[in-house]
Amino acid sequence: MALKDEESFYQRISSRMEWRYLADASEMEKERKRLEARKLEIDDMFLNLYTDKAKGIPYLLD
């Protein structure tokens, strides 16, 4: 097929590569957002621990 119609073959390969790139980019963006949310959650935990420590509130481990 590639030898008979190089342009068509190139277009098919190019289209598949572009689709794969977009799918990967979408997954990476989802993961970035998930990690950013987790980072904010951890930042809040540290801030709360610092605030509690400054106020003299003991931290109890479960």
C-alpha atoms as a PDB file:
ATOM      1  CA  MET A   1       0.000   0.000   0.000  1.00  0.00           C
ATOM      2  CA  ALA A   2       2.767   2.426   0.954  1.00  0.00           C
ATOM      3  CA  LEU A   3       4.494   1.888  -2.380  1.00  0.00           C
ATOM      4  CA  LYS A   4       1.301   2.328  -4.425  1.00  0.00           C
ATOM      5  CA  ASP A   5       0.040   5.522  -2.815  1.00  0.00           C
ATOM      6  CA  GLU A   6       2.705   7.252  -0.754  1.00  0.00           C
ATOM      7  CA  GLU A   7       0.630  10.380  -0.105  1.00  0.00           C
ATOM      8  CA  SER A   8      -2.360   8.443   1.201  1.00  0.00           C
ATOM      9  CA  PHE A   9      -0.088   6.328   3.396  1.00  0.00           C
ATOM     10  CA  TYR A  10       1.637   9.428   4.758  1.00  0.00           C
ATOM     11  CA  GLN A  11      -1.723  11.048   5.524  1.00  0.00           C
ATOM     12  CA  ARG A  12      -2.948   7.984   7.398  1.00  0.00           C
ATOM     13  CA  ILE A  13       0.218   7.738   9.475  1.00  0.00           C
ATOM     14  CA  SER A  14       0.208  11.476  10.143  1.00  0.00           C
ATOM     15  CA  SER A  15      -3.439  11.391  11.188  1.00  0.00           C
ATOM     16  CA  ARG A  16      -2.846   8.500  13.575  1.00  0.00           C
ATOM     17  CA  MET A  17       0.182  10.199  15.116  1.00  0.00           C
ATOM     18  CA  GLU A  18      -1.746  13.438  15.594  1.00  0.00           C
ATOM     19  CA  TRP A  19      -4.680  11.613  17.200  1.00  0.00           C
ATOM     20  CA  ARG A  20      -2.301   9.781  19.552  1.00  0.00           C
ATOM     21  CA  TYR A  21      -0.552  13.036  20.467  1.00  0.00           C
ATOM     22  CA  LEU A  22      -3.863  14.732  21.292  1.00  0.00           C
ATOM     23  CA  ALA A  23      -4.995  11.773  23.389  1.00  0.00           C
ATOM     24  CA  ASP A  24      -1.698  11.776  25.291  1.00  0.00           C
ATOM     25  CA  ALA A  25      -1.866  15.546  25.806  1.00  0.00           C
ATOM     26  CA  SER A  26      -5.398  15.228  27.179  1.00  0.00           C
ATOM     27  CA  GLU A  27      -4.321  12.534  29.648  1.00  0.00           C
ATOM     28  CA  MET A  28      -1.325  14.591  30.726  1.00  0.00           C
ATOM     29  CA  GLU A  29      -3.558  17.616  31.362  1.00  0.00           C
ATOM     30  CA  LYS A  30      -5.909  15.506  33.506  1.00  0.00           C
ATOM     31  CA  GLU A  31      -2.962  14.202  35.509  1.00  0.00           C
ATOM     32  CA  ARG A  32      -1.545  17.728  35.909  1.00  0.00           C
ATOM     33  CA  LYS A  33      -4.863  18.978  37.278  1.00  0.00           C
ATOM     34  CA  ARG A  34      -5.130  16.025  39.664  1.00  0.00           C
ATOM     35  CA  LEU A  35      -1.625  16.619  40.969  1.00  0.00           C
ATOM     36  CA  GLU A  36      -2.190  20.353  41.321  1.00  0.00           C
ATOM     37  CA  ALA A  37      -5.322  19.693  43.405  1.00  0.00           C
ATOM     38  CA  ARG A  38      -3.372  17.253  45.579  1.00  0.00           C
ATOM     39  CA  LYS A  39      -0.585  19.803  46.037  1.00  0.00           C
ATOM     40  CA  LEU A  40      -3.089  22.394  47.222  1.00  0.00           C
ATOM     41  CA  GLU A  41      -4.595  19.856  49.610  1.00  0.00           C
ATOM     42  CA  ILE A  42      -1.179  19.089  51.094  1.00  0.00           C
ATOM     43  CA  ASP A  43      -0.341  22.798  51.331  1.00  0.00           C
ATOM     44  CA  ASP A  44      -3.549  23.317  53.316  1.00  0.00           C
ATOM     45  CA  MET A  45      -2.647  20.460  55.658  1.00  0.00           C
ATOM     46  CA  PHE A  46       0.766  21.965  56.352  1.00  0.00           C
ATOM     47  CA  LEU A  47      -0.730  25.392  56.926  1.00  0.00           C
ATOM     48  CA  ASN A  48      -3.243  23.934  59.384  1.00  0.00           C
ATOM     49  CA  LEU A  49      -0.496  22.060  61.219  1.00  0.00           C
ATOM     50  CA  TYR A  50       1.588  25.221  61.436  1.00  0.00           C
ATOM     51  CA  THR A  51      -1.394  27.247  62.670  1.00  0.00           C
ATOM     52  CA  ASP A  52      -2.288  24.617  65.267  1.00  0.00           C
ATOM     53  CA  LYS A  53       1.338  24.470  66.451  1.00  0.00           C
ATOM     54  CA  ALA A  54       1.457  28.280  66.754  1.00  0.00           C
ATOM     55  CA  LYS A  55      -1.742  28.204  68.805  1.00  0.00           C
ATOM     56  CA  GLY A  56      -0.424  25.398  71.010  1.00  0.00           C
ATOM     57  CA  ILE A  57      -3.034  22.901  69.836  1.00  0.00           C
ATOM     58  CA  PRO A  58      -1.602  19.363  70.041  1.00  0.00           C
ATOM     59  CA  TYR A  59      -1.733  17.215  66.933  1.00  0.00           C
ATOM     60  CA  LEU A  60      -3.111  13.745  67.572  1.00  0.00           C
ATOM     61  CA  LEU A  61      -2.088  10.892  65.325  1.00  0.00           C
ATOM     62  CA  ASP A  62      -4.831   8.423  64.467  1.00  0.00           C
END
